[in-house]
């Protein structure tokens, strides 16, 4: 029986016809759709920004009381009527302002930390990839990427950091002429001291944070690699612990090394507040000489204990949060790619 069937014209659909023989490649039937390739680590620019912004806010909000204590210790050394020890600084805040005094200026920190850390981590990731493509030493790559990140982010963070430190010192209604809040501080500083006051410590901040981030990132990457290498198949919990431990080691070591420059930065940002000296030149050398003349070389290490107590857990929180954010986005992309169309 002949089973051959001659299909009618209505079944001859051009889009279902077979490809001509000898065709080398499949034609692109969806030329209107283009996909931009993810960047380093399979993530996009905006994903780094979100992960970094969340990490920065969580870090600084969690550790803000310790930061207030450090600022008081470093600045109050210029006030002859007050001591700048850890215990005395703590008691001074409790007795004059109560527990709320530890959170003076937290709004300024919130406004500055998010954008600054979004830029910080994004620049770091892109710089790390750029330097890695040049086959440089891994430690040098991480250090150089960290320096690039801090130079960019400090331009965003320095003005709000200055406002934050002035509010931390300016006793919230207790002191005469105290700032009433972030807006009042910004307005009065701009009117009385000019725009340059917001960036009075920028040079010092960059000079301080360049070695800080170089030590921080190189230590973090080395410690993370070592800790993750202990367990080749670590789960998410173990991975988070490794990121936190590596971040704590990096933060503590970098904080100790750069404490003298942090003292200089605080003096420049808090000029005229609570008896702090005013510096006409803004020279790092002049500030260092003033501190040494008043308090000896030990004055350069004022606040190193709370500074390390701040940066060790702060870096642990920041890196753990940032890596968790990256993992979330990576898993989301992976699940979306595997989901049926």
C-alpha atoms as a PDB file:
ATOM      1  CA  UNK A   1       0.000   0.000   0.000  1.00  0.00           C
ATOM      2  CA  UNK A   2       1.315   3.381  -0.962  1.00  0.00           C
ATOM      3  CA  UNK A   3       1.410   5.484   2.175  1.00  0.00           C
ATOM      4  CA  UNK A   4       2.962   8.557   0.581  1.00  0.00           C
ATOM      5  CA  UNK A   5       0.861  11.619   1.248  1.00  0.00           C
ATOM      6  CA  UNK A   6       1.133  14.828  -0.662  1.00  0.00           C
ATOM      7  CA  UNK A   7       0.752  17.621   1.861  1.00  0.00           C
ATOM      8  CA  UNK A   8      -1.438  20.447   0.786  1.00  0.00           C
ATOM      9  CA  UNK A   9      -0.213  23.998   0.336  1.00  0.00           C
ATOM     10  CA  UNK A  10      -1.546  25.015   3.739  1.00  0.00           C
ATOM     11  CA  UNK A  11       1.031  22.765   5.411  1.00  0.00           C
ATOM     12  CA  UNK A  12       3.969  24.283   3.523  1.00  0.00           C
ATOM     13  CA  UNK A  13       5.118  26.792   6.132  1.00  0.00           C
ATOM     14  CA  UNK A  14       8.350  28.546   5.139  1.00  0.00           C
ATOM     15  CA  UNK A  15       9.551  28.856   8.763  1.00  0.00           C
ATOM     16  CA  UNK A  16       9.467  25.048   9.152  1.00  0.00           C
ATOM     17  CA  UNK A  17      11.442  24.188   6.051  1.00  0.00           C
ATOM     18  CA  UNK A  18      14.810  22.461   6.493  1.00  0.00           C
ATOM     19  CA  UNK A  19      18.044  24.404   6.210  1.00  0.00           C
ATOM     20  CA  UNK A  20      19.877  24.235   2.887  1.00  0.00           C
ATOM     21  CA  UNK A  21      22.682  21.721   2.798  1.00  0.00           C
ATOM     22  CA  UNK A  22      26.142  23.096   3.369  1.00  0.00           C
ATOM     23  CA  UNK A  23      25.001  25.784   5.802  1.00  0.00           C
ATOM     24  CA  UNK A  24      27.956  26.331   8.161  1.00  0.00           C
ATOM     25  CA  UNK A  25      26.150  28.035  11.024  1.00  0.00           C
ATOM     26  CA  UNK A  26      22.658  28.378  12.349  1.00  0.00           C
ATOM     27  CA  UNK A  27      21.060  31.678  11.426  1.00  0.00           C
ATOM     28  CA  UNK A  28      20.210  34.106  14.223  1.00  0.00           C
ATOM     29  CA  UNK A  29      16.418  34.049  14.404  1.00  0.00           C
ATOM     30  CA  UNK A  30      16.362  36.562  17.335  1.00  0.00           C
ATOM     31  CA  UNK A  31      18.597  39.398  16.168  1.00  0.00           C
ATOM     32  CA  UNK A  32      16.602  41.869  18.215  1.00  0.00           C
ATOM     33  CA  UNK A  33      17.640  40.357  21.550  1.00  0.00           C
ATOM     34  CA  UNK A  34      21.111  41.119  22.944  1.00  0.00           C
ATOM     35  CA  UNK A  35      22.498  40.052  26.290  1.00  0.00           C
ATOM     36  CA  UNK A  36      25.203  42.047  28.045  1.00  0.00           C
ATOM     37  CA  UNK A  37      27.736  39.754  29.648  1.00  0.00           C
ATOM     38  CA  UNK A  38      28.128  39.943  33.403  1.00  0.00           C
ATOM     39  CA  UNK A  39      31.359  41.408  34.670  1.00  0.00           C
ATOM     40  CA  UNK A  40      33.870  40.017  37.161  1.00  0.00           C
ATOM     41  CA  UNK A  41      32.558  37.114  39.319  1.00  0.00           C
ATOM     42  CA  UNK A  42      29.507  36.883  37.062  1.00  0.00           C
ATOM     43  CA  UNK A  43      27.858  39.980  38.540  1.00  0.00           C
ATOM     44  CA  UNK A  44      26.785  43.281  37.077  1.00  0.00           C
ATOM     45  CA  UNK A  45      27.853  46.769  38.141  1.00  0.00           C
ATOM     46  CA  UNK A  46      24.634  47.514  40.044  1.00  0.00           C
ATOM     47  CA  UNK A  47      24.877  44.246  41.997  1.00  0.00           C
ATOM     48  CA  UNK A  48      28.284  45.188  43.384  1.00  0.00           C
ATOM     49  CA  UNK A  49      26.870  48.571  44.354  1.00  0.00           C
ATOM     50  CA  UNK A  50      23.920  47.093  46.246  1.00  0.00           C
ATOM     51  CA  UNK A  51      26.030  44.493  48.058  1.00  0.00           C
ATOM     52  CA  UNK A  52      28.649  47.106  48.983  1.00  0.00           C
ATOM     53  CA  UNK A  53      26.093  49.674  50.111  1.00  0.00           C
ATOM     54  CA  UNK A  54      24.351  47.196  52.421  1.00  0.00           C
ATOM     55  CA  UNK A  55      27.694  45.998  53.802  1.00  0.00           C
ATOM     56  CA  UNK A  56      28.840  49.542  54.577  1.00  0.00           C
ATOM     57  CA  UNK A  57      25.601  50.551  56.310  1.00  0.00           C
ATOM     58  CA  UNK A  58      25.435  47.383  58.416  1.00  0.00           C
ATOM     59  CA  UNK A  59      29.095  47.707  59.408  1.00  0.00           C
ATOM     60  CA  UNK A  60      28.970  51.342  60.533  1.00  0.00           C
ATOM     61  CA  UNK A  61      25.578  51.186  62.205  1.00  0.00           C
ATOM     62  CA  UNK A  62      26.537  48.135  64.255  1.00  0.00           C
ATOM     63  CA  UNK A  63      29.846  49.624  65.438  1.00  0.00           C
ATOM     64  CA  UNK A  64      28.854  53.275  65.765  1.00  0.00           C
ATOM     65  CA  UNK A  65      29.073  53.501  69.596  1.00  0.00           C
ATOM     66  CA  UNK A  66      32.699  52.293  69.477  1.00  0.00           C
ATOM     67  CA  UNK A  67      33.438  54.853  66.773  1.00  0.00           C
ATOM     68  CA  UNK A  68      32.015  57.605  68.981  1.00  0.00           C
ATOM     69  CA  UNK A  69      34.256  56.488  71.848  1.00  0.00           C
ATOM     70  CA  UNK A  70      37.316  56.536  69.575  1.00  0.00           C
ATOM     71  CA  UNK A  71      36.481  60.029  68.287  1.00  0.00           C
ATOM     72  CA  UNK A  72      36.097  61.374  71.829  1.00  0.00           C
ATOM     73  CA  UNK A  73      39.439  59.909  72.876  1.00  0.00           C
ATOM     74  CA  UNK A  74      41.314  61.299  69.890  1.00  0.00           C
ATOM     75  CA  UNK A  75      39.786  64.785  70.002  1.00  0.00           C
ATOM     76  CA  UNK A  76      39.477  65.315  73.747  1.00  0.00           C
ATOM     77  CA  UNK A  77      43.227  65.013  74.084  1.00  0.00           C
ATOM     78  CA  UNK A  78      43.316  68.680  73.042  1.00  0.00           C
ATOM     79  CA  UNK A  79      40.970  69.660  75.877  1.00  0.00           C
ATOM     80  CA  UNK A  80      42.972  70.323  79.066  1.00  0.00           C
ATOM     81  CA  UNK A  81      39.958  69.780  81.336  1.00  0.00           C
ATOM     82  CA  UNK A  82      39.251  66.232  80.183  1.00  0.00           C
ATOM     83  CA  UNK A  83      41.185  63.000  80.051  1.00  0.00           C
ATOM     84  CA  UNK A  84      41.142  60.856  76.947  1.00  0.00           C
ATOM     85  CA  UNK A  85      41.294  57.372  78.445  1.00  0.00           C
ATOM     86  CA  UNK A  86      38.828  54.688  77.432  1.00  0.00           C
ATOM     87  CA  UNK A  87      37.078  54.582  80.799  1.00  0.00           C
ATOM     88  CA  UNK A  88      36.963  58.351  81.280  1.00  0.00           C
ATOM     89  CA  UNK A  89      35.680  58.947  77.748  1.00  0.00           C
ATOM     90  CA  UNK A  90      32.970  56.329  78.292  1.00  0.00           C
ATOM     91  CA  UNK A  91      31.933  57.861  81.620  1.00  0.00           C
ATOM     92  CA  UNK A  92      31.947  61.363  80.146  1.00  0.00           C
ATOM     93  CA  UNK A  93      29.422  60.365  77.483  1.00  0.00           C
ATOM     94  CA  UNK A  94      27.171  58.464  79.924  1.00  0.00           C
ATOM     95  CA  UNK A  95      27.159  61.208  82.566  1.00  0.00           C
ATOM     96  CA  UNK A  96      26.585  64.154  80.241  1.00  0.00           C
ATOM     97  CA  UNK A  97      24.388  62.726  77.499  1.00  0.00           C
ATOM     98  CA  UNK A  98      23.315  59.226  78.470  1.00  0.00           C
ATOM     99  CA  UNK A  99      23.345  56.231  76.141  1.00  0.00           C
ATOM    100  CA  UNK A 100      21.938  58.389  73.325  1.00  0.00           C
ATOM    101  CA  UNK A 101      25.250  60.239  73.235  1.00  0.00           C
ATOM    102  CA  UNK A 102      26.897  57.212  71.632  1.00  0.00           C
ATOM    103  CA  UNK A 103      24.615  57.642  68.611  1.00  0.00           C
ATOM    104  CA  UNK A 104      25.137  61.345  67.969  1.00  0.00           C
ATOM    105  CA  UNK A 105      25.855  61.745  64.257  1.00  0.00           C
ATOM    106  CA  UNK A 106      24.549  58.347  63.158  1.00  0.00           C
ATOM    107  CA  UNK A 107      22.288  60.012  60.564  1.00  0.00           C
ATOM    108  CA  UNK A 108      25.334  61.568  58.881  1.00  0.00           C
ATOM    109  CA  UNK A 109      26.992  58.171  58.865  1.00  0.00           C
ATOM    110  CA  UNK A 110      23.943  56.607  57.222  1.00  0.00           C
ATOM    111  CA  UNK A 111      23.930  59.263  54.493  1.00  0.00           C
ATOM    112  CA  UNK A 112      27.623  58.797  53.749  1.00  0.00           C
ATOM    113  CA  UNK A 113      28.295  55.101  54.309  1.00  0.00           C
ATOM    114  CA  UNK A 114      25.865  53.709  51.742  1.00  0.00           C
ATOM    115  CA  UNK A 115      27.018  55.619  48.635  1.00  0.00           C
ATOM    116  CA  UNK A 116      30.688  55.539  49.675  1.00  0.00           C
ATOM    117  CA  UNK A 117      30.792  51.778  50.202  1.00  0.00           C
ATOM    118  CA  UNK A 118      28.808  51.128  47.033  1.00  0.00           C
ATOM    119  CA  UNK A 119      31.564  52.946  45.143  1.00  0.00           C
ATOM    120  CA  UNK A 120      34.284  51.411  47.325  1.00  0.00           C
ATOM    121  CA  UNK A 121      33.515  47.763  46.638  1.00  0.00           C
ATOM    122  CA  UNK A 122      32.584  48.337  42.998  1.00  0.00           C
ATOM    123  CA  UNK A 123      35.871  50.069  42.205  1.00  0.00           C
ATOM    124  CA  UNK A 124      37.732  47.378  44.127  1.00  0.00           C
ATOM    125  CA  UNK A 125      36.198  44.522  42.141  1.00  0.00           C
ATOM    126  CA  UNK A 126      36.752  46.181  38.769  1.00  0.00           C
ATOM    127  CA  UNK A 127      40.296  47.263  39.679  1.00  0.00           C
ATOM    128  CA  UNK A 128      41.113  43.772  40.931  1.00  0.00           C
ATOM    129  CA  UNK A 129      39.987  42.270  37.649  1.00  0.00           C
ATOM    130  CA  UNK A 130      41.916  44.861  35.628  1.00  0.00           C
ATOM    131  CA  UNK A 131      45.135  44.263  37.561  1.00  0.00           C
ATOM    132  CA  UNK A 132      44.640  40.487  37.527  1.00  0.00           C
ATOM    133  CA  UNK A 133      44.503  40.543  33.721  1.00  0.00           C
ATOM    134  CA  UNK A 134      48.029  41.991  33.770  1.00  0.00           C
ATOM    135  CA  UNK A 135      49.386  38.910  35.615  1.00  0.00           C
ATOM    136  CA  UNK A 136      50.662  40.940  38.577  1.00  0.00           C
ATOM    137  CA  UNK A 137      51.547  39.493  41.967  1.00  0.00           C
ATOM    138  CA  UNK A 138      48.266  38.635  43.791  1.00  0.00           C
ATOM    139  CA  UNK A 139      49.176  40.612  46.924  1.00  0.00           C
ATOM    140  CA  UNK A 140      50.178  43.625  44.827  1.00  0.00           C
ATOM    141  CA  UNK A 141      46.968  43.297  42.815  1.00  0.00           C
ATOM    142  CA  UNK A 142      44.748  43.342  45.902  1.00  0.00           C
ATOM    143  CA  UNK A 143      46.690  46.195  47.504  1.00  0.00           C
ATOM    144  CA  UNK A 144      46.584  48.337  44.362  1.00  0.00           C
ATOM    145  CA  UNK A 145      42.872  47.671  43.864  1.00  0.00           C
ATOM    146  CA  UNK A 146      42.231  48.666  47.469  1.00  0.00           C
ATOM    147  CA  UNK A 147      44.102  51.950  47.047  1.00  0.00           C
ATOM    148  CA  UNK A 148      42.079  52.791  43.919  1.00  0.00           C
ATOM    149  CA  UNK A 149      38.875  52.019  45.815  1.00  0.00           C
ATOM    150  CA  UNK A 150      39.678  54.231  48.784  1.00  0.00           C
ATOM    151  CA  UNK A 151      40.784  57.232  46.702  1.00  0.00           C
ATOM    152  CA  UNK A 152      37.419  57.202  44.920  1.00  0.00           C
ATOM    153  CA  UNK A 153      35.193  56.460  47.915  1.00  0.00           C
ATOM    154  CA  UNK A 154      36.877  58.967  50.254  1.00  0.00           C
ATOM    155  CA  UNK A 155      35.805  61.764  47.938  1.00  0.00           C
ATOM    156  CA  UNK A 156      32.201  60.807  48.703  1.00  0.00           C
ATOM    157  CA  UNK A 157      32.592  59.876  52.372  1.00  0.00           C
ATOM    158  CA  UNK A 158      34.859  62.639  53.762  1.00  0.00           C
ATOM    159  CA  UNK A 159      32.249  65.456  53.990  1.00  0.00           C
ATOM    160  CA  UNK A 160      29.730  63.309  55.885  1.00  0.00           C
ATOM    161  CA  UNK A 161      32.511  61.871  58.050  1.00  0.00           C
ATOM    162  CA  UNK A 162      33.429  65.409  59.100  1.00  0.00           C
ATOM    163  CA  UNK A 163      29.795  66.174  59.946  1.00  0.00           C
ATOM    164  CA  UNK A 164      29.523  62.887  61.835  1.00  0.00           C
ATOM    165  CA  UNK A 165      32.601  63.557  63.972  1.00  0.00           C
ATOM    166  CA  UNK A 166      31.514  67.092  64.842  1.00  0.00           C
ATOM    167  CA  UNK A 167      28.131  65.820  65.957  1.00  0.00           C
ATOM    168  CA  UNK A 168      29.824  63.086  68.015  1.00  0.00           C
ATOM    169  CA  UNK A 169      31.776  65.736  69.924  1.00  0.00           C
ATOM    170  CA  UNK A 170      29.218  68.512  69.997  1.00  0.00           C
ATOM    171  CA  UNK A 171      27.135  67.299  72.931  1.00  0.00           C
ATOM    172  CA  UNK A 172      23.599  67.586  71.556  1.00  0.00           C
ATOM    173  CA  UNK A 173      22.235  70.562  73.442  1.00  0.00           C
ATOM    174  CA  UNK A 174      24.605  70.077  76.392  1.00  0.00           C
ATOM    175  CA  UNK A 175      27.368  72.200  74.926  1.00  0.00           C
ATOM    176  CA  UNK A 176      26.857  75.864  74.135  1.00  0.00           C
ATOM    177  CA  UNK A 177      26.233  76.335  70.443  1.00  0.00           C
ATOM    178  CA  UNK A 178      25.724  72.637  69.830  1.00  0.00           C
ATOM    179  CA  UNK A 179      24.645  71.539  66.371  1.00  0.00           C
ATOM    180  CA  UNK A 180      20.978  70.579  66.253  1.00  0.00           C
ATOM    181  CA  UNK A 181      21.476  67.909  63.598  1.00  0.00           C
ATOM    182  CA  UNK A 182      23.003  67.046  60.256  1.00  0.00           C
ATOM    183  CA  UNK A 183      21.370  69.869  58.287  1.00  0.00           C
ATOM    184  CA  UNK A 184      22.222  72.482  60.927  1.00  0.00           C
ATOM    185  CA  UNK A 185      25.837  71.306  61.016  1.00  0.00           C
ATOM    186  CA  UNK A 186      26.194  71.356  57.222  1.00  0.00           C
ATOM    187  CA  UNK A 187      24.607  74.811  56.979  1.00  0.00           C
ATOM    188  CA  UNK A 188      26.690  76.387  59.746  1.00  0.00           C
ATOM    189  CA  UNK A 189      29.992  74.886  58.599  1.00  0.00           C
ATOM    190  CA  UNK A 190      29.358  76.051  55.030  1.00  0.00           C
ATOM    191  CA  UNK A 191      28.457  79.553  56.227  1.00  0.00           C
ATOM    192  CA  UNK A 192      31.131  79.999  58.895  1.00  0.00           C
ATOM    193  CA  UNK A 193      34.069  78.041  57.447  1.00  0.00           C
ATOM    194  CA  UNK A 194      33.331  77.606  53.774  1.00  0.00           C
ATOM    195  CA  UNK A 195      33.157  74.573  51.497  1.00  0.00           C
ATOM    196  CA  UNK A 196      36.827  73.723  52.022  1.00  0.00           C
ATOM    197  CA  UNK A 197      36.089  72.746  55.628  1.00  0.00           C
ATOM    198  CA  UNK A 198      34.255  69.648  54.416  1.00  0.00           C
ATOM    199  CA  UNK A 199      37.439  68.429  52.738  1.00  0.00           C
ATOM    200  CA  UNK A 200      39.983  69.741  55.265  1.00  0.00           C
ATOM    201  CA  UNK A 201      41.051  66.178  56.073  1.00  0.00           C
ATOM    202  CA  UNK A 202      40.706  64.658  52.599  1.00  0.00           C
ATOM    203  CA  UNK A 203      44.443  64.590  51.894  1.00  0.00           C
ATOM    204  CA  UNK A 204      45.152  63.086  55.299  1.00  0.00           C
ATOM    205  CA  UNK A 205      42.313  60.604  54.864  1.00  0.00           C
ATOM    206  CA  UNK A 206      43.669  59.399  51.520  1.00  0.00           C
ATOM    207  CA  UNK A 207      47.233  59.213  52.860  1.00  0.00           C
ATOM    208  CA  UNK A 208      45.916  57.211  55.838  1.00  0.00           C
ATOM    209  CA  UNK A 209      43.533  54.974  53.924  1.00  0.00           C
ATOM    210  CA  UNK A 210      45.948  54.151  51.107  1.00  0.00           C
ATOM    211  CA  UNK A 211      48.216  52.054  53.385  1.00  0.00           C
ATOM    212  CA  UNK A 212      45.180  51.009  55.426  1.00  0.00           C
ATOM    213  CA  UNK A 213      43.415  49.493  52.434  1.00  0.00           C
ATOM    214  CA  UNK A 214      46.652  48.079  51.027  1.00  0.00           C
ATOM    215  CA  UNK A 215      47.218  46.173  54.273  1.00  0.00           C
ATOM    216  CA  UNK A 216      43.517  45.453  54.680  1.00  0.00           C
ATOM    217  CA  UNK A 217      42.785  43.947  51.268  1.00  0.00           C
ATOM    218  CA  UNK A 218      46.028  42.014  50.900  1.00  0.00           C
ATOM    219  CA  UNK A 219      45.589  40.562  54.410  1.00  0.00           C
ATOM    220  CA  UNK A 220      41.923  39.774  53.777  1.00  0.00           C
ATOM    221  CA  UNK A 221      42.489  37.999  50.470  1.00  0.00           C
ATOM    222  CA  UNK A 222      45.423  35.995  51.865  1.00  0.00           C
ATOM    223  CA  UNK A 223      43.548  35.028  55.047  1.00  0.00           C
ATOM    224  CA  UNK A 224      40.386  34.167  53.110  1.00  0.00           C
ATOM    225  CA  UNK A 225      42.315  31.951  50.716  1.00  0.00           C
ATOM    226  CA  UNK A 226      44.021  30.166  53.608  1.00  0.00           C
ATOM    227  CA  UNK A 227      40.810  29.675  55.606  1.00  0.00           C
ATOM    228  CA  UNK A 228      38.736  28.523  52.657  1.00  0.00           C
ATOM    229  CA  UNK A 229      41.563  26.195  51.654  1.00  0.00           C
ATOM    230  CA  UNK A 230      41.246  24.323  54.946  1.00  0.00           C
ATOM    231  CA  UNK A 231      37.893  22.979  53.817  1.00  0.00           C
ATOM    232  CA  UNK A 232      37.680  22.530  50.067  1.00  0.00           C
ATOM    233  CA  UNK A 233      33.955  21.840  50.209  1.00  0.00           C
ATOM    234  CA  UNK A 234      32.835  24.343  52.820  1.00  0.00           C
ATOM    235  CA  UNK A 235      29.141  25.072  53.113  1.00  0.00           C
ATOM    236  CA  UNK A 236      27.662  28.556  53.268  1.00  0.00           C
ATOM    237  CA  UNK A 237      27.992  28.709  57.067  1.00  0.00           C
ATOM    238  CA  UNK A 238      31.656  27.822  57.040  1.00  0.00           C
ATOM    239  CA  UNK A 239      32.242  30.238  54.182  1.00  0.00           C
ATOM    240  CA  UNK A 240      30.661  33.090  56.147  1.00  0.00           C
ATOM    241  CA  UNK A 241      32.848  32.321  59.151  1.00  0.00           C
ATOM    242  CA  UNK A 242      35.938  32.326  56.945  1.00  0.00           C
ATOM    243  CA  UNK A 243      35.002  35.690  55.425  1.00  0.00           C
ATOM    244  CA  UNK A 244      34.321  37.168  58.880  1.00  0.00           C
ATOM    245  CA  UNK A 245      37.571  35.828  60.388  1.00  0.00           C
ATOM    246  CA  UNK A 246      39.622  37.060  57.443  1.00  0.00           C
ATOM    247  CA  UNK A 247      37.939  40.454  57.636  1.00  0.00           C
ATOM    248  CA  UNK A 248      38.593  40.746  61.386  1.00  0.00           C
ATOM    249  CA  UNK A 249      42.299  39.966  60.958  1.00  0.00           C
ATOM    250  CA  UNK A 250      42.581  42.459  58.111  1.00  0.00           C
ATOM    251  CA  UNK A 251      40.703  45.211  59.942  1.00  0.00           C
ATOM    252  CA  UNK A 252      42.637  44.906  63.204  1.00  0.00           C
ATOM    253  CA  UNK A 253      46.080  44.887  61.584  1.00  0.00           C
ATOM    254  CA  UNK A 254      45.334  47.797  59.241  1.00  0.00           C
ATOM    255  CA  UNK A 255      43.735  49.855  62.032  1.00  0.00           C
ATOM    256  CA  UNK A 256      46.742  49.570  64.344  1.00  0.00           C
ATOM    257  CA  UNK A 257      49.255  50.552  61.667  1.00  0.00           C
ATOM    258  CA  UNK A 258      47.380  53.700  60.640  1.00  0.00           C
ATOM    259  CA  UNK A 259      46.237  55.039  64.054  1.00  0.00           C
ATOM    260  CA  UNK A 260      48.592  58.091  64.076  1.00  0.00           C
ATOM    261  CA  UNK A 261      47.163  59.363  60.800  1.00  0.00           C
ATOM    262  CA  UNK A 262      43.631  58.729  62.077  1.00  0.00           C
ATOM    263  CA  UNK A 263      44.394  60.989  65.057  1.00  0.00           C
ATOM    264  CA  UNK A 264      45.557  63.693  62.636  1.00  0.00           C
ATOM    265  CA  UNK A 265      42.380  63.270  60.583  1.00  0.00           C
ATOM    266  CA  UNK A 266      40.175  63.676  63.662  1.00  0.00           C
ATOM    267  CA  UNK A 267      42.042  66.836  64.708  1.00  0.00           C
ATOM    268  CA  UNK A 268      41.576  68.384  61.266  1.00  0.00           C
ATOM    269  CA  UNK A 269      37.883  67.497  61.056  1.00  0.00           C
ATOM    270  CA  UNK A 270      37.063  68.719  64.570  1.00  0.00           C
ATOM    271  CA  UNK A 271      38.902  72.050  64.557  1.00  0.00           C
ATOM    272  CA  UNK A 272      37.415  74.469  67.075  1.00  0.00           C
ATOM    273  CA  UNK A 273      35.124  71.830  68.614  1.00  0.00           C
ATOM    274  CA  UNK A 274      35.592  71.102  72.330  1.00  0.00           C
ATOM    275  CA  UNK A 275      38.787  73.122  72.482  1.00  0.00           C
ATOM    276  CA  UNK A 276      40.499  71.395  69.564  1.00  0.00           C
ATOM    277  CA  UNK A 277      43.136  73.579  67.944  1.00  0.00           C
ATOM    278  CA  UNK A 278      42.563  75.313  64.634  1.00  0.00           C
ATOM    279  CA  UNK A 279      45.182  74.774  61.949  1.00  0.00           C
ATOM    280  CA  UNK A 280      45.649  77.494  59.360  1.00  0.00           C
ATOM    281  CA  UNK A 281      47.730  75.425  56.963  1.00  0.00           C
ATOM    282  CA  UNK A 282      46.101  72.024  57.359  1.00  0.00           C
ATOM    283  CA  UNK A 283      49.562  70.483  57.076  1.00  0.00           C
ATOM    284  CA  UNK A 284      49.919  66.957  58.388  1.00  0.00           C
ATOM    285  CA  UNK A 285      53.350  67.853  59.758  1.00  0.00           C
ATOM    286  CA  UNK A 286      51.948  70.804  61.731  1.00  0.00           C
ATOM    287  CA  UNK A 287      49.223  68.659  63.269  1.00  0.00           C
ATOM    288  CA  UNK A 288      51.684  65.903  64.164  1.00  0.00           C
ATOM    289  CA  UNK A 289      54.019  68.439  65.779  1.00  0.00           C
ATOM    290  CA  UNK A 290      51.173  69.978  67.799  1.00  0.00           C
ATOM    291  CA  UNK A 291      50.065  66.572  69.092  1.00  0.00           C
ATOM    292  CA  UNK A 292      53.619  65.577  70.044  1.00  0.00           C
ATOM    293  CA  UNK A 293      54.255  68.920  71.798  1.00  0.00           C
ATOM    294  CA  UNK A 294      51.058  68.634  73.852  1.00  0.00           C
ATOM    295  CA  UNK A 295      50.915  64.948  74.625  1.00  0.00           C
ATOM    296  CA  UNK A 296      54.188  63.369  73.537  1.00  0.00           C
ATOM    297  CA  UNK A 297      54.479  60.554  71.037  1.00  0.00           C
ATOM    298  CA  UNK A 298      51.881  58.542  72.918  1.00  0.00           C
ATOM    299  CA  UNK A 299      49.343  61.114  71.754  1.00  0.00           C
ATOM    300  CA  UNK A 300      49.717  59.751  68.231  1.00  0.00           C
ATOM    301  CA  UNK A 301      48.268  56.442  69.401  1.00  0.00           C
ATOM    302  CA  UNK A 302      45.241  57.885  71.158  1.00  0.00           C
ATOM    303  CA  UNK A 303      42.200  55.724  70.583  1.00  0.00           C
ATOM    304  CA  UNK A 304      44.093  52.740  69.174  1.00  0.00           C
ATOM    305  CA  UNK A 305      42.217  50.323  71.431  1.00  0.00           C
ATOM    306  CA  UNK A 306      38.686  51.356  70.396  1.00  0.00           C
ATOM    307  CA  UNK A 307      39.953  51.792  66.825  1.00  0.00           C
ATOM    308  CA  UNK A 308      41.007  48.136  66.721  1.00  0.00           C
ATOM    309  CA  UNK A 309      37.854  47.132  68.605  1.00  0.00           C
ATOM    310  CA  UNK A 310      35.924  48.965  65.898  1.00  0.00           C
ATOM    311  CA  UNK A 311      37.721  47.790  62.777  1.00  0.00           C
ATOM    312  CA  UNK A 312      38.146  44.113  63.649  1.00  0.00           C
ATOM    313  CA  UNK A 313      34.419  43.314  64.058  1.00  0.00           C
ATOM    314  CA  UNK A 314      33.431  46.044  61.570  1.00  0.00           C
ATOM    315  CA  UNK A 315      35.551  44.484  58.833  1.00  0.00           C
ATOM    316  CA  UNK A 316      34.233  41.044  59.773  1.00  0.00           C
ATOM    317  CA  UNK A 317      30.633  42.290  59.504  1.00  0.00           C
ATOM    318  CA  UNK A 318      31.318  44.210  56.303  1.00  0.00           C
ATOM    319  CA  UNK A 319      33.065  41.406  54.420  1.00  0.00           C
ATOM    320  CA  UNK A 320      30.645  38.725  55.590  1.00  0.00           C
ATOM    321  CA  UNK A 321      27.686  40.891  54.532  1.00  0.00           C
ATOM    322  CA  UNK A 322      29.290  41.823  51.214  1.00  0.00           C
ATOM    323  CA  UNK A 323      30.210  38.239  50.314  1.00  0.00           C
ATOM    324  CA  UNK A 324      26.719  37.110  51.339  1.00  0.00           C
ATOM    325  CA  UNK A 325      25.245  39.736  49.020  1.00  0.00           C
ATOM    326  CA  UNK A 326      27.440  38.568  46.154  1.00  0.00           C
ATOM    327  CA  UNK A 327      26.483  34.936  46.809  1.00  0.00           C
ATOM    328  CA  UNK A 328      22.804  35.874  46.794  1.00  0.00           C
ATOM    329  CA  UNK A 329      23.084  37.515  43.390  1.00  0.00           C
ATOM    330  CA  UNK A 330      25.202  34.659  41.999  1.00  0.00           C
ATOM    331  CA  UNK A 331      22.679  32.051  43.173  1.00  0.00           C
ATOM    332  CA  UNK A 332      19.823  34.133  41.766  1.00  0.00           C
ATOM    333  CA  UNK A 333      21.538  34.229  38.370  1.00  0.00           C
ATOM    334  CA  UNK A 334      22.258  30.493  38.534  1.00  0.00           C
ATOM    335  CA  UNK A 335      18.662  29.613  39.405  1.00  0.00           C
ATOM    336  CA  UNK A 336      17.333  31.890  36.650  1.00  0.00           C
ATOM    337  CA  UNK A 337      19.631  30.248  34.072  1.00  0.00           C
ATOM    338  CA  UNK A 338      18.520  26.744  35.088  1.00  0.00           C
ATOM    339  CA  UNK A 339      14.794  27.511  35.264  1.00  0.00           C
ATOM    340  CA  UNK A 340      12.746  26.163  32.312  1.00  0.00           C
ATOM    341  CA  UNK A 341      11.883  28.679  29.631  1.00  0.00           C
END
